[in-house]
Amino acid sequence: MSQADSNANHTDAADTHSTHVDRNKTANLATPSYTPQLQAFREVIESRRSVRRFTDTPIPDDVLAECLRLAMLAPNSSNLQPWEFYVIDSTDSRKRAVKNCMDQNAAKTSARLIAVVARTNIWHEHAQQVLREYPDKPVPKKVKDYYTKVVAVDFLRGPVNTVSAVKWGATQVFRQVKGPIKSPYYTSEDVKNWATNNTALAAGNLMLALRAHGFDSCPMGGFDEPAMKKLLGLSDDHHVVMMIGAGERSDKGIYNSQFRFDQDQFVHYV
């Protein structure tokens, strides 16, 4: 066999191995005609409940870390990731946090208590970080332009909202002349809505990840936010979207039967 034939055979073998590896990676990737995870996904969704009482079973640190990793794979606007998660473990902080949650059983009995926080002042720093950590090098020009120009225009408001007024006028003209355009963030309330909407998506992932690991959760909106922000050392640019109590469900952890209104009440085909 010639050296060329040997090299060709080696290349063919390498290609075959690479294809085999690639197929293994995608073997369980769902398609419209192949849904290997569907039943497990249904079971996670349908078994998730807002659990009010938990057992003494701890949530291992590695399990919680994995759940938080999955939480942060949630979809989010421009990958700016405006979320933070505060796992309240120290005895004193937890005692105060439970009090700030109105002593709800879901907080008192939880194995882990987590504050889910949205940040409205992080977009610029995260836009720069996206460019630093962008996986494809060199970073494409359109990506650089998007994060240095489009994102900046979207969020900037200027002193006394002067930039917002200009953006509002320009947006109205664009709609009249060229057609639909996404509304920029004109006010601090617009940016807060953006941050909390994205953070809530991550919170949903977190609760489902906990359920998949055999644990449960309870999202709590009944808490004293100013007191919680003081406890966690947060600024006016931080917003506690919800508190999540997590743990293994107790036999008495679910207070009521689950039901939802009829789907036709909410789904509209237009």
C-alpha atoms as a PDB file:
ATOM      1  CA  MET A   1       0.000   0.000   0.000  1.00  0.00           C
ATOM      2  CA  SER A   2       1.360   3.413  -0.892  1.00  0.00           C
ATOM      3  CA  GLN A   3       1.764   6.196   1.653  1.00  0.00           C
ATOM      4  CA  ALA A   4      -0.976   8.122  -0.149  1.00  0.00           C
ATOM      5  CA  ASP A   5      -3.364   5.164   0.157  1.00  0.00           C
ATOM      6  CA  SER A   6      -2.474   4.836   3.830  1.00  0.00           C
ATOM      7  CA  ASN A   7      -3.142   8.518   4.444  1.00  0.00           C
ATOM      8  CA  ALA A   8      -6.433   8.300   2.556  1.00  0.00           C
ATOM      9  CA  ASN A   9      -7.567   5.311   4.625  1.00  0.00           C
ATOM     10  CA  HIS A  10      -6.565   7.126   7.820  1.00  0.00           C
ATOM     11  CA  THR A  11      -8.565  10.176   6.751  1.00  0.00           C
ATOM     12  CA  ASP A  12     -11.608   8.041   5.893  1.00  0.00           C
ATOM     13  CA  ALA A  13     -11.414   6.355   9.294  1.00  0.00           C
ATOM     14  CA  ALA A  14     -11.145   9.714  11.043  1.00  0.00           C
ATOM     15  CA  ASP A  15     -14.122  11.049   9.099  1.00  0.00           C
ATOM     16  CA  THR A  16     -16.142   7.933   9.958  1.00  0.00           C
ATOM     17  CA  HIS A  17     -15.259   8.305  13.642  1.00  0.00           C
ATOM     18  CA  SER A  18     -16.168  12.010  13.564  1.00  0.00           C
ATOM     19  CA  THR A  19     -19.509  11.252  11.922  1.00  0.00           C
ATOM     20  CA  HIS A  20     -20.180   8.531  14.512  1.00  0.00           C
ATOM     21  CA  VAL A  21     -19.453  10.975  17.354  1.00  0.00           C
ATOM     22  CA  ASP A  22     -21.635  13.644  15.780  1.00  0.00           C
ATOM     23  CA  ARG A  23     -24.492  11.163  15.384  1.00  0.00           C
ATOM     24  CA  ASN A  24     -24.138  10.141  19.025  1.00  0.00           C
ATOM     25  CA  LYS A  25     -24.394  13.775  20.049  1.00  0.00           C
ATOM     26  CA  THR A  26     -27.610  14.242  18.102  1.00  0.00           C
ATOM     27  CA  ALA A  27     -29.109  10.784  18.596  1.00  0.00           C
ATOM     28  CA  ASN A  28     -31.575  12.020  21.198  1.00  0.00           C
ATOM     29  CA  LEU A  29     -32.261  15.402  19.615  1.00  0.00           C
ATOM     30  CA  ALA A  30     -36.012  15.716  19.289  1.00  0.00           C
ATOM     31  CA  THR A  31     -37.545  16.327  15.883  1.00  0.00           C
ATOM     32  CA  PRO A  32     -41.224  16.586  14.898  1.00  0.00           C
ATOM     33  CA  SER A  33     -41.232  12.863  14.137  1.00  0.00           C
ATOM     34  CA  TYR A  34     -38.936  11.743  16.978  1.00  0.00           C
ATOM     35  CA  THR A  35     -39.672  12.885  20.540  1.00  0.00           C
ATOM     36  CA  PRO A  36     -37.675  10.713  22.966  1.00  0.00           C
ATOM     37  CA  GLN A  37     -37.915  13.159  25.899  1.00  0.00           C
ATOM     38  CA  LEU A  38     -41.563  14.142  25.490  1.00  0.00           C
ATOM     39  CA  GLN A  39     -43.040  11.863  28.139  1.00  0.00           C
ATOM     40  CA  ALA A  40     -40.366  12.785  30.697  1.00  0.00           C
ATOM     41  CA  PHE A  41     -40.924  16.461  29.906  1.00  0.00           C
ATOM     42  CA  ARG A  42     -44.668  16.074  30.380  1.00  0.00           C
ATOM     43  CA  GLU A  43     -44.100  14.378  33.725  1.00  0.00           C
ATOM     44  CA  VAL A  44     -41.840  17.198  34.913  1.00  0.00           C
ATOM     45  CA  ILE A  45     -44.343  19.868  33.866  1.00  0.00           C
ATOM     46  CA  GLU A  46     -47.429  18.059  35.150  1.00  0.00           C
ATOM     47  CA  SER A  47     -45.888  17.028  38.478  1.00  0.00           C
ATOM     48  CA  ARG A  48     -44.548  20.487  39.304  1.00  0.00           C
ATOM     49  CA  ARG A  49     -46.595  22.036  42.076  1.00  0.00           C
ATOM     50  CA  SER A  50     -46.197  25.023  44.362  1.00  0.00           C
ATOM     51  CA  VAL A  51     -45.222  23.098  47.468  1.00  0.00           C
ATOM     52  CA  ARG A  52     -45.825  24.848  50.808  1.00  0.00           C
ATOM     53  CA  ARG A  53     -44.152  22.400  53.173  1.00  0.00           C
ATOM     54  CA  PHE A  54     -40.919  20.491  52.715  1.00  0.00           C
ATOM     55  CA  THR A  55     -39.185  17.607  54.470  1.00  0.00           C
ATOM     56  CA  ASP A  56     -35.800  17.862  56.173  1.00  0.00           C
ATOM     57  CA  THR A  57     -34.056  16.302  53.153  1.00  0.00           C
ATOM     58  CA  PRO A  58     -31.248  18.638  52.025  1.00  0.00           C
ATOM     59  CA  ILE A  59     -30.614  19.678  48.447  1.00  0.00           C
ATOM     60  CA  PRO A  60     -26.973  18.792  47.698  1.00  0.00           C
ATOM     61  CA  ASP A  61     -24.800  21.679  46.554  1.00  0.00           C
ATOM     62  CA  ASP A  62     -23.989  19.979  43.250  1.00  0.00           C
ATOM     63  CA  VAL A  63     -27.682  19.440  42.480  1.00  0.00           C
ATOM     64  CA  LEU A  64     -28.507  23.069  43.244  1.00  0.00           C
ATOM     65  CA  ALA A  65     -25.561  24.235  41.131  1.00  0.00           C
ATOM     66  CA  GLU A  66     -26.813  22.131  38.201  1.00  0.00           C
ATOM     67  CA  CYS A  67     -30.338  23.515  38.586  1.00  0.00           C
ATOM     68  CA  LEU A  68     -28.991  27.066  38.578  1.00  0.00           C
ATOM     69  CA  ARG A  69     -26.918  26.287  35.474  1.00  0.00           C
ATOM     70  CA  LEU A  70     -30.050  25.074  33.720  1.00  0.00           C
ATOM     71  CA  ALA A  71     -31.921  28.152  34.947  1.00  0.00           C
ATOM     72  CA  MET A  72     -29.422  30.396  33.228  1.00  0.00           C
ATOM     73  CA  LEU A  73     -29.891  28.609  29.913  1.00  0.00           C
ATOM     74  CA  ALA A  74     -33.286  30.303  29.727  1.00  0.00           C
ATOM     75  CA  PRO A  75     -34.000  32.430  26.657  1.00  0.00           C
ATOM     76  CA  ASN A  76     -33.235  36.091  27.247  1.00  0.00           C
ATOM     77  CA  SER A  77     -33.118  39.290  25.249  1.00  0.00           C
ATOM     78  CA  SER A  78     -29.859  39.681  23.291  1.00  0.00           C
ATOM     79  CA  ASN A  79     -28.179  37.265  25.725  1.00  0.00           C
ATOM     80  CA  LEU A  80     -27.722  40.161  28.174  1.00  0.00           C
ATOM     81  CA  GLN A  81     -28.653  37.924  31.126  1.00  0.00           C
ATOM     82  CA  PRO A  82     -29.979  40.544  33.576  1.00  0.00           C
ATOM     83  CA  TRP A  83     -30.465  38.069  36.427  1.00  0.00           C
ATOM     84  CA  GLU A  84     -28.869  37.144  39.735  1.00  0.00           C
ATOM     85  CA  PHE A  85     -29.662  34.386  42.225  1.00  0.00           C
ATOM     86  CA  TYR A  86     -28.994  34.771  45.945  1.00  0.00           C
ATOM     87  CA  VAL A  87     -28.949  31.447  47.791  1.00  0.00           C
ATOM     88  CA  ILE A  88     -29.615  32.385  51.415  1.00  0.00           C
ATOM     89  CA  ASP A  89     -27.833  29.761  53.491  1.00  0.00           C
ATOM     90  CA  SER A  90     -26.348  31.467  56.558  1.00  0.00           C
ATOM     91  CA  THR A  91     -28.404  30.984  59.722  1.00  0.00           C
ATOM     92  CA  ASP A  92     -28.876  34.678  60.509  1.00  0.00           C
ATOM     93  CA  SER A  93     -29.647  35.759  56.936  1.00  0.00           C
ATOM     94  CA  ARG A  94     -32.072  32.889  56.494  1.00  0.00           C
ATOM     95  CA  LYS A  95     -33.905  33.753  59.704  1.00  0.00           C
ATOM     96  CA  ARG A  96     -34.316  37.348  58.559  1.00  0.00           C
ATOM     97  CA  ALA A  97     -35.277  36.289  55.025  1.00  0.00           C
ATOM     98  CA  VAL A  98     -37.995  33.965  56.341  1.00  0.00           C
ATOM     99  CA  LYS A  99     -39.361  36.846  58.408  1.00  0.00           C
ATOM    100  CA  ASN A 100     -39.300  39.052  55.284  1.00  0.00           C
ATOM    101  CA  CYS A 101     -41.334  36.308  53.556  1.00  0.00           C
ATOM    102  CA  MET A 102     -44.035  36.771  56.204  1.00  0.00           C
ATOM    103  CA  ASP A 103     -43.028  33.475  57.868  1.00  0.00           C
ATOM    104  CA  GLN A 104     -44.661  31.495  55.058  1.00  0.00           C
ATOM    105  CA  ASN A 105     -44.306  27.738  55.474  1.00  0.00           C
ATOM    106  CA  ALA A 106     -42.745  27.514  52.010  1.00  0.00           C
ATOM    107  CA  ALA A 107     -39.906  29.693  53.285  1.00  0.00           C
ATOM    108  CA  LYS A 108     -39.669  28.300  56.829  1.00  0.00           C
ATOM    109  CA  THR A 109     -39.486  24.640  55.832  1.00  0.00           C
ATOM    110  CA  SER A 110     -37.459  24.979  52.621  1.00  0.00           C
ATOM    111  CA  ALA A 111     -34.105  23.253  52.281  1.00  0.00           C
ATOM    112  CA  ARG A 112     -32.838  26.217  50.243  1.00  0.00           C
ATOM    113  CA  LEU A 113     -34.241  29.722  49.994  1.00  0.00           C
ATOM    114  CA  ILE A 114     -33.360  31.678  46.861  1.00  0.00           C
ATOM    115  CA  ALA A 115     -33.936  35.309  45.934  1.00  0.00           C
ATOM    116  CA  VAL A 116     -34.375  35.744  42.179  1.00  0.00           C
ATOM    117  CA  VAL A 117     -33.189  39.227  41.275  1.00  0.00           C
ATOM    118  CA  ALA A 118     -33.389  41.308  38.096  1.00  0.00           C
ATOM    119  CA  ARG A 119     -30.833  44.030  37.393  1.00  0.00           C
ATOM    120  CA  THR A 120     -31.555  47.128  35.336  1.00  0.00           C
ATOM    121  CA  ASN A 121     -28.039  48.618  35.401  1.00  0.00           C
ATOM    122  CA  ILE A 122     -26.079  45.725  33.927  1.00  0.00           C
ATOM    123  CA  TRP A 123     -26.946  45.883  30.229  1.00  0.00           C
ATOM    124  CA  HIS A 124     -23.898  47.932  29.187  1.00  0.00           C
ATOM    125  CA  GLU A 125     -21.401  45.824  31.132  1.00  0.00           C
ATOM    126  CA  HIS A 126     -22.948  42.605  29.858  1.00  0.00           C
ATOM    127  CA  ALA A 127     -22.953  43.860  26.254  1.00  0.00           C
ATOM    128  CA  GLN A 128     -19.196  44.352  26.543  1.00  0.00           C
ATOM    129  CA  GLN A 129     -18.794  40.945  28.190  1.00  0.00           C
ATOM    130  CA  VAL A 130     -20.688  39.281  25.340  1.00  0.00           C
ATOM    131  CA  LEU A 131     -18.120  40.652  22.894  1.00  0.00           C
ATOM    132  CA  ARG A 132     -15.205  39.556  25.102  1.00  0.00           C
ATOM    133  CA  GLU A 133     -16.538  36.023  25.517  1.00  0.00           C
ATOM    134  CA  TYR A 134     -18.190  35.552  22.123  1.00  0.00           C
ATOM    135  CA  PRO A 135     -17.358  31.973  21.113  1.00  0.00           C
ATOM    136  CA  ASP A 136     -16.763  32.620  17.400  1.00  0.00           C
ATOM    137  CA  LYS A 137     -13.516  34.460  16.715  1.00  0.00           C
ATOM    138  CA  PRO A 138     -13.021  36.912  15.232  1.00  0.00           C
ATOM    139  CA  VAL A 139     -16.280  38.432  16.409  1.00  0.00           C
ATOM    140  CA  PRO A 140     -18.374  39.231  13.295  1.00  0.00           C
ATOM    141  CA  LYS A 141     -18.720  42.934  12.535  1.00  0.00           C
ATOM    142  CA  LYS A 142     -22.524  42.776  12.635  1.00  0.00           C
ATOM    143  CA  VAL A 143     -22.308  41.352  16.169  1.00  0.00           C
ATOM    144  CA  LYS A 144     -19.921  44.112  17.265  1.00  0.00           C
ATOM    145  CA  ASP A 145     -22.167  46.756  15.731  1.00  0.00           C
ATOM    146  CA  TYR A 146     -25.235  45.287  17.409  1.00  0.00           C
ATOM    147  CA  TYR A 147     -23.772  45.331  20.914  1.00  0.00           C
ATOM    148  CA  THR A 148     -21.943  48.646  20.617  1.00  0.00           C
ATOM    149  CA  LYS A 149     -24.599  50.600  18.716  1.00  0.00           C
ATOM    150  CA  VAL A 150     -28.066  49.007  18.636  1.00  0.00           C
ATOM    151  CA  VAL A 151     -28.095  47.926  22.274  1.00  0.00           C
ATOM    152  CA  ALA A 152     -26.841  51.332  23.404  1.00  0.00           C
ATOM    153  CA  VAL A 153     -29.546  53.173  21.468  1.00  0.00           C
ATOM    154  CA  ASP A 154     -32.174  50.775  22.814  1.00  0.00           C
ATOM    155  CA  PHE A 155     -31.369  51.415  26.474  1.00  0.00           C
ATOM    156  CA  LEU A 156     -29.970  54.943  26.717  1.00  0.00           C
ATOM    157  CA  ARG A 157     -32.365  57.501  28.190  1.00  0.00           C
ATOM    158  CA  GLY A 158     -30.132  60.480  28.881  1.00  0.00           C
ATOM    159  CA  PRO A 159     -30.429  63.156  31.589  1.00  0.00           C
ATOM    160  CA  VAL A 160     -34.087  63.739  32.469  1.00  0.00           C
ATOM    161  CA  ASN A 161     -35.009  61.277  29.694  1.00  0.00           C
ATOM    162  CA  THR A 162     -33.858  63.703  26.972  1.00  0.00           C
ATOM    163  CA  VAL A 163     -32.591  60.862  24.758  1.00  0.00           C
ATOM    164  CA  SER A 164     -35.867  59.005  25.310  1.00  0.00           C
ATOM    165  CA  ALA A 165     -37.808  61.937  23.883  1.00  0.00           C
ATOM    166  CA  VAL A 166     -35.666  61.899  20.753  1.00  0.00           C
ATOM    167  CA  LYS A 167     -36.031  58.114  20.421  1.00  0.00           C
ATOM    168  CA  TRP A 168     -39.792  58.386  20.792  1.00  0.00           C
ATOM    169  CA  GLY A 169     -40.029  60.941  17.985  1.00  0.00           C
ATOM    170  CA  ALA A 170     -37.719  58.970  15.698  1.00  0.00           C
ATOM    171  CA  THR A 171     -39.683  55.784  16.323  1.00  0.00           C
ATOM    172  CA  GLN A 172     -42.982  57.422  15.387  1.00  0.00           C
ATOM    173  CA  VAL A 173     -41.507  58.790  12.151  1.00  0.00           C
ATOM    174  CA  PHE A 174     -40.025  55.393  11.264  1.00  0.00           C
ATOM    175  CA  ARG A 175     -43.405  53.699  11.734  1.00  0.00           C
ATOM    176  CA  GLN A 176     -45.092  56.214   9.478  1.00  0.00           C
ATOM    177  CA  VAL A 177     -42.464  56.052   6.748  1.00  0.00           C
ATOM    178  CA  LYS A 178     -41.049  52.512   6.790  1.00  0.00           C
ATOM    179  CA  GLY A 179     -43.372  50.407   8.930  1.00  0.00           C
ATOM    180  CA  PRO A 180     -43.103  48.332  12.115  1.00  0.00           C
ATOM    181  CA  ILE A 181     -40.193  48.863  14.517  1.00  0.00           C
ATOM    182  CA  LYS A 182     -39.534  47.592  18.018  1.00  0.00           C
ATOM    183  CA  SER A 183     -40.183  50.223  20.679  1.00  0.00           C
ATOM    184  CA  PRO A 184     -36.992  51.218  22.522  1.00  0.00           C
ATOM    185  CA  TYR A 185     -36.917  51.420  26.318  1.00  0.00           C
ATOM    186  CA  TYR A 186     -38.049  54.960  27.018  1.00  0.00           C
ATOM    187  CA  THR A 187     -38.280  54.960  30.811  1.00  0.00           C
ATOM    188  CA  SER A 188     -36.754  53.244  33.826  1.00  0.00           C
ATOM    189  CA  GLU A 189     -40.017  51.300  34.121  1.00  0.00           C
ATOM    190  CA  ASP A 190     -39.509  49.971  30.573  1.00  0.00           C
ATOM    191  CA  VAL A 191     -36.037  48.700  31.520  1.00  0.00           C
ATOM    192  CA  LYS A 192     -37.399  47.187  34.731  1.00  0.00           C
ATOM    193  CA  ASN A 193     -40.055  45.318  32.753  1.00  0.00           C
ATOM    194  CA  TRP A 194     -37.373  44.063  30.368  1.00  0.00           C
ATOM    195  CA  ALA A 195     -35.168  42.814  33.197  1.00  0.00           C
ATOM    196  CA  THR A 196     -37.947  41.206  35.240  1.00  0.00           C
ATOM    197  CA  ASN A 197     -39.482  39.484  32.196  1.00  0.00           C
ATOM    198  CA  ASN A 198     -36.156  37.887  31.297  1.00  0.00           C
ATOM    199  CA  THR A 199     -35.403  36.941  34.902  1.00  0.00           C
ATOM    200  CA  ALA A 200     -38.813  35.291  35.308  1.00  0.00           C
ATOM    201  CA  LEU A 201     -37.952  33.013  32.369  1.00  0.00           C
ATOM    202  CA  ALA A 202     -34.861  31.837  34.241  1.00  0.00           C
ATOM    203  CA  ALA A 203     -36.892  31.303  37.409  1.00  0.00           C
ATOM    204  CA  GLY A 204     -39.233  29.026  35.471  1.00  0.00           C
ATOM    205  CA  ASN A 205     -36.284  26.959  34.285  1.00  0.00           C
ATOM    206  CA  LEU A 206     -34.994  26.726  37.856  1.00  0.00           C
ATOM    207  CA  MET A 207     -38.265  25.342  39.217  1.00  0.00           C
ATOM    208  CA  LEU A 208     -38.539  22.769  36.438  1.00  0.00           C
ATOM    209  CA  ALA A 209     -34.914  21.710  36.926  1.00  0.00           C
ATOM    210  CA  LEU A 210     -35.564  21.168  40.634  1.00  0.00           C
ATOM    211  CA  ARG A 211     -38.598  19.012  39.792  1.00  0.00           C
ATOM    212  CA  ALA A 212     -36.547  16.953  37.331  1.00  0.00           C
ATOM    213  CA  HIS A 213     -34.091  16.274  40.171  1.00  0.00           C
ATOM    214  CA  GLY A 214     -36.928  15.079  42.408  1.00  0.00           C
ATOM    215  CA  PHE A 215     -37.205  18.281  44.430  1.00  0.00           C
ATOM    216  CA  ASP A 216     -39.963  20.872  44.493  1.00  0.00           C
ATOM    217  CA  SER A 217     -40.335  24.599  44.850  1.00  0.00           C
ATOM    218  CA  CYS A 218     -42.682  27.415  45.673  1.00  0.00           C
ATOM    219  CA  PRO A 219     -42.365  30.830  44.009  1.00  0.00           C
ATOM    220  CA  MET A 220     -43.332  33.521  46.490  1.00  0.00           C
ATOM    221  CA  GLY A 221     -44.434  37.035  45.651  1.00  0.00           C
ATOM    222  CA  GLY A 222     -45.536  37.771  49.214  1.00  0.00           C
ATOM    223  CA  PHE A 223     -42.413  39.317  50.751  1.00  0.00           C
ATOM    224  CA  ASP A 224     -41.139  42.680  51.929  1.00  0.00           C
ATOM    225  CA  GLU A 225     -38.941  43.740  49.016  1.00  0.00           C
ATOM    226  CA  PRO A 226     -37.268  46.768  50.662  1.00  0.00           C
ATOM    227  CA  ALA A 227     -36.371  44.638  53.685  1.00  0.00           C
ATOM    228  CA  MET A 228     -35.105  41.819  51.470  1.00  0.00           C
ATOM    229  CA  LYS A 229     -32.996  44.198  49.405  1.00  0.00           C
ATOM    230  CA  LYS A 230     -31.488  45.625  52.591  1.00  0.00           C
ATOM    231  CA  LEU A 231     -30.700  42.125  53.831  1.00  0.00           C
ATOM    232  CA  LEU A 232     -28.978  41.213  50.551  1.00  0.00           C
ATOM    233  CA  GLY A 233     -27.214  44.559  50.166  1.00  0.00           C
ATOM    234  CA  LEU A 234     -28.959  45.408  46.905  1.00  0.00           C
ATOM    235  CA  SER A 235     -29.278  48.792  45.228  1.00  0.00           C
ATOM    236  CA  ASP A 236     -32.191  50.603  43.593  1.00  0.00           C
ATOM    237  CA  ASP A 237     -31.120  48.953  40.327  1.00  0.00           C
ATOM    238  CA  HIS A 238     -31.847  45.498  41.743  1.00  0.00           C
ATOM    239  CA  HIS A 239     -35.400  44.159  41.799  1.00  0.00           C
ATOM    240  CA  VAL A 240     -36.408  41.020  43.687  1.00  0.00           C
ATOM    241  CA  VAL A 241     -38.698  39.304  41.200  1.00  0.00           C
ATOM    242  CA  MET A 242     -39.624  36.428  43.508  1.00  0.00           C
ATOM    243  CA  MET A 243     -38.426  34.308  46.378  1.00  0.00           C
ATOM    244  CA  ILE A 244     -38.196  30.572  45.758  1.00  0.00           C
ATOM    245  CA  GLY A 245     -38.363  28.018  48.532  1.00  0.00           C
ATOM    246  CA  ALA A 246     -37.058  24.618  47.451  1.00  0.00           C
ATOM    247  CA  GLY A 247     -36.816  21.137  48.896  1.00  0.00           C
ATOM    248  CA  GLU A 248     -38.360  17.685  48.940  1.00  0.00           C
ATOM    249  CA  ARG A 249     -42.140  17.892  49.139  1.00  0.00           C
ATOM    250  CA  SER A 250     -43.778  16.837  52.370  1.00  0.00           C
ATOM    251  CA  ASP A 251     -46.862  14.594  52.396  1.00  0.00           C
ATOM    252  CA  LYS A 252     -48.714  17.719  53.532  1.00  0.00           C
ATOM    253  CA  GLY A 253     -46.892  20.042  51.153  1.00  0.00           C
ATOM    254  CA  ILE A 254     -49.665  20.505  48.609  1.00  0.00           C
ATOM    255  CA  TYR A 255     -52.651  22.338  49.991  1.00  0.00           C
ATOM    256  CA  ASN A 256     -55.161  22.040  47.133  1.00  0.00           C
ATOM    257  CA  SER A 257     -55.960  20.032  44.028  1.00  0.00           C
ATOM    258  CA  GLN A 258     -54.466  21.391  40.827  1.00  0.00           C
ATOM    259  CA  PHE A 259     -56.745  22.830  38.158  1.00  0.00           C
ATOM    260  CA  ARG A 260     -56.637  25.388  35.373  1.00  0.00           C
ATOM    261  CA  PHE A 261     -59.351  27.187  33.435  1.00  0.00           C
ATOM    262  CA  ASP A 262     -60.270  25.793  30.040  1.00  0.00           C
ATOM    263  CA  GLN A 263     -57.577  26.310  27.421  1.00  0.00           C
ATOM    264  CA  ASP A 264     -60.059  27.803  24.933  1.00  0.00           C
ATOM    265  CA  GLN A 265     -60.504  30.751  27.298  1.00  0.00           C
ATOM    266  CA  PHE A 266     -56.931  31.851  26.727  1.00  0.00           C
ATOM    267  CA  VAL A 267     -55.827  30.606  23.303  1.00  0.00           C
ATOM    268  CA  HIS A 268     -56.857  32.644  20.286  1.00  0.00           C
ATOM    269  CA  TYR A 269     -56.160  31.845  16.644  1.00  0.00           C
ATOM    270  CA  VAL A 270     -56.246  34.966  14.482  1.00  0.00           C
END
